[in-house]
Amino acid sequence: MRDTVYDVPSPPQADPTEPDHAEYFVRIERLADGATKVSDYCASEFYWSDGNGACDCSRAHVFGDLDHPCSDTKYRIIEWIVKATP
């Protein structure tokens, strides 16, 4: 996981019987100024830790920056929020 370099906590398990199906909102920190925001969409742990959501260009979207270059040192996940099930 890219975020392990920042000592980010592991996501909680939404349902221990189906760990691969858990989806998460995440609280992301912009390291330049310490600002934080919660994503307005949820996705799998893989998406946020190793997929497209692990790239700064995707995490910047949470802050409204649609033209951020690809990197992995400008943002980090500071909280995993399990999607509530109805």
C-alpha atoms as a PDB file:
ATOM      1  CA  MET A   1       0.000   0.000   0.000  1.00  0.00           C
ATOM      2  CA  ARG A   2       1.318   3.450  -0.845  1.00  0.00           C
ATOM      3  CA  ASP A   3      -0.069   4.986   2.344  1.00  0.00           C
ATOM      4  CA  THR A   4       1.914   2.777   4.695  1.00  0.00           C
ATOM      5  CA  VAL A   5       4.807   5.194   4.337  1.00  0.00           C
ATOM      6  CA  TYR A   6       2.650   7.702   6.240  1.00  0.00           C
ATOM      7  CA  ASP A   7       1.588   5.251   8.988  1.00  0.00           C
ATOM      8  CA  VAL A   8      -2.048   5.415   7.914  1.00  0.00           C
ATOM      9  CA  PRO A   9      -4.335   3.109   9.868  1.00  0.00           C
ATOM     10  CA  SER A  10      -5.727   0.084   8.092  1.00  0.00           C
ATOM     11  CA  PRO A  11      -9.375   0.309   7.111  1.00  0.00           C
ATOM     12  CA  PRO A  12     -11.909  -1.310   9.409  1.00  0.00           C
ATOM     13  CA  GLN A  13     -13.726  -4.367   8.153  1.00  0.00           C
ATOM     14  CA  ALA A  14     -17.341  -3.582   7.291  1.00  0.00           C
ATOM     15  CA  ASP A  15     -18.380  -7.222   7.642  1.00  0.00           C
ATOM     16  CA  PRO A  16     -15.797  -9.822   8.689  1.00  0.00           C
ATOM     17  CA  THR A  17     -17.603 -12.475   6.671  1.00  0.00           C
ATOM     18  CA  GLU A  18     -17.209 -10.489   3.432  1.00  0.00           C
ATOM     19  CA  PRO A  19     -13.998  -8.431   3.679  1.00  0.00           C
ATOM     20  CA  ASP A  20     -13.549  -8.148  -0.094  1.00  0.00           C
ATOM     21  CA  HIS A  21     -16.884  -6.392  -0.530  1.00  0.00           C
ATOM     22  CA  ALA A  22     -16.384  -3.542   1.953  1.00  0.00           C
ATOM     23  CA  GLU A  23     -16.555  -0.023   0.552  1.00  0.00           C
ATOM     24  CA  TYR A  24     -15.164   3.078   2.186  1.00  0.00           C
ATOM     25  CA  PHE A  25     -15.405   6.808   2.158  1.00  0.00           C
ATOM     26  CA  VAL A  26     -12.047   8.270   3.182  1.00  0.00           C
ATOM     27  CA  ARG A  27     -10.883  11.428   4.924  1.00  0.00           C
ATOM     28  CA  ILE A  28      -7.974  12.771   2.892  1.00  0.00           C
ATOM     29  CA  GLU A  29      -5.365  15.232   4.097  1.00  0.00           C
ATOM     30  CA  ARG A  30      -3.657  17.671   1.722  1.00  0.00           C
ATOM     31  CA  LEU A  31      -0.131  17.667   3.117  1.00  0.00           C
ATOM     32  CA  ALA A  32       0.770  21.149   1.851  1.00  0.00           C
ATOM     33  CA  ASP A  33      -1.622  22.906   4.242  1.00  0.00           C
ATOM     34  CA  GLY A  34      -3.135  20.202   6.462  1.00  0.00           C
ATOM     35  CA  ALA A  35      -6.642  20.697   5.035  1.00  0.00           C
ATOM     36  CA  THR A  36      -8.877  17.618   5.218  1.00  0.00           C
ATOM     37  CA  LYS A  37     -12.020  16.546   3.398  1.00  0.00           C
ATOM     38  CA  VAL A  38     -14.128  13.418   3.216  1.00  0.00           C
ATOM     39  CA  SER A  39     -14.574  11.889  -0.213  1.00  0.00           C
ATOM     40  CA  ASP A  40     -18.070  12.201  -1.629  1.00  0.00           C
ATOM     41  CA  TYR A  41     -17.876   8.724  -3.142  1.00  0.00           C
ATOM     42  CA  CYS A  42     -16.929   5.356  -1.715  1.00  0.00           C
ATOM     43  CA  ALA A  43     -14.834   2.577  -3.156  1.00  0.00           C
ATOM     44  CA  SER A  44     -12.967  -0.578  -2.209  1.00  0.00           C
ATOM     45  CA  GLU A  45      -9.820  -0.705  -0.103  1.00  0.00           C
ATOM     46  CA  PHE A  46      -7.898  -1.659  -3.246  1.00  0.00           C
ATOM     47  CA  TYR A  47      -9.114   1.449  -5.100  1.00  0.00           C
ATOM     48  CA  TRP A  48      -7.932   3.778  -2.315  1.00  0.00           C
ATOM     49  CA  SER A  49      -4.673   2.006  -1.459  1.00  0.00           C
ATOM     50  CA  ASP A  50      -3.381   0.585  -4.762  1.00  0.00           C
ATOM     51  CA  GLY A  51      -5.826   1.564  -7.506  1.00  0.00           C
ATOM     52  CA  ASN A  52      -6.651   4.916  -9.100  1.00  0.00           C
ATOM     53  CA  GLY A  53      -7.646   6.410  -5.731  1.00  0.00           C
ATOM     54  CA  ALA A  54      -4.079   5.969  -4.467  1.00  0.00           C
ATOM     55  CA  CYS A  55      -2.790   8.571  -6.942  1.00  0.00           C
ATOM     56  CA  ASP A  56      -2.662  12.242  -5.967  1.00  0.00           C
ATOM     57  CA  CYS A  57      -4.406  13.191  -9.218  1.00  0.00           C
ATOM     58  CA  SER A  58      -7.509  11.307  -8.001  1.00  0.00           C
ATOM     59  CA  ARG A  59      -7.265  12.432  -4.376  1.00  0.00           C
ATOM     60  CA  ALA A  60      -6.975  16.060  -5.492  1.00  0.00           C
ATOM     61  CA  HIS A  61     -10.496  15.742  -6.966  1.00  0.00           C
ATOM     62  CA  VAL A  62     -11.856  15.569  -3.407  1.00  0.00           C
ATOM     63  CA  PHE A  63     -10.551  19.140  -2.963  1.00  0.00           C
ATOM     64  CA  GLY A  64     -11.894  20.305  -6.320  1.00  0.00           C
ATOM     65  CA  ASP A  65      -8.513  20.316  -8.087  1.00  0.00           C
ATOM     66  CA  LEU A  66      -9.192  18.602 -11.399  1.00  0.00           C
ATOM     67  CA  ASP A  67      -5.780  19.277 -12.981  1.00  0.00           C
ATOM     68  CA  HIS A  68      -3.374  17.859 -10.391  1.00  0.00           C
ATOM     69  CA  PRO A  69      -0.440  15.892 -11.836  1.00  0.00           C
ATOM     70  CA  CYS A  70       0.120  12.259 -10.932  1.00  0.00           C
ATOM     71  CA  SER A  71       2.235  11.679  -7.824  1.00  0.00           C
ATOM     72  CA  ASP A  72       1.888   9.925  -4.491  1.00  0.00           C
ATOM     73  CA  THR A  73       3.360  12.356  -1.948  1.00  0.00           C
ATOM     74  CA  LYS A  74       0.902  15.285  -1.742  1.00  0.00           C
ATOM     75  CA  TYR A  75      -2.163  13.665  -0.122  1.00  0.00           C
ATOM     76  CA  ARG A  76      -2.788  10.881   2.354  1.00  0.00           C
ATOM     77  CA  ILE A  77      -5.710   8.987   3.827  1.00  0.00           C
ATOM     78  CA  ILE A  78      -6.117   9.736   7.509  1.00  0.00           C
ATOM     79  CA  GLU A  79      -9.432   7.970   8.166  1.00  0.00           C
ATOM     80  CA  TRP A  80     -11.384   5.082   6.638  1.00  0.00           C
ATOM     81  CA  ILE A  81     -15.171   5.376   6.940  1.00  0.00           C
ATOM     82  CA  VAL A  82     -17.151   2.209   6.274  1.00  0.00           C
ATOM     83  CA  LYS A  83     -20.107   2.729   3.969  1.00  0.00           C
ATOM     84  CA  ALA A  84     -23.319   2.292   5.924  1.00  0.00           C
ATOM     85  CA  THR A  85     -25.571  -0.468   4.725  1.00  0.00           C
ATOM     86  CA  PRO A  86     -29.333   0.095   4.636  1.00  0.00           C
END
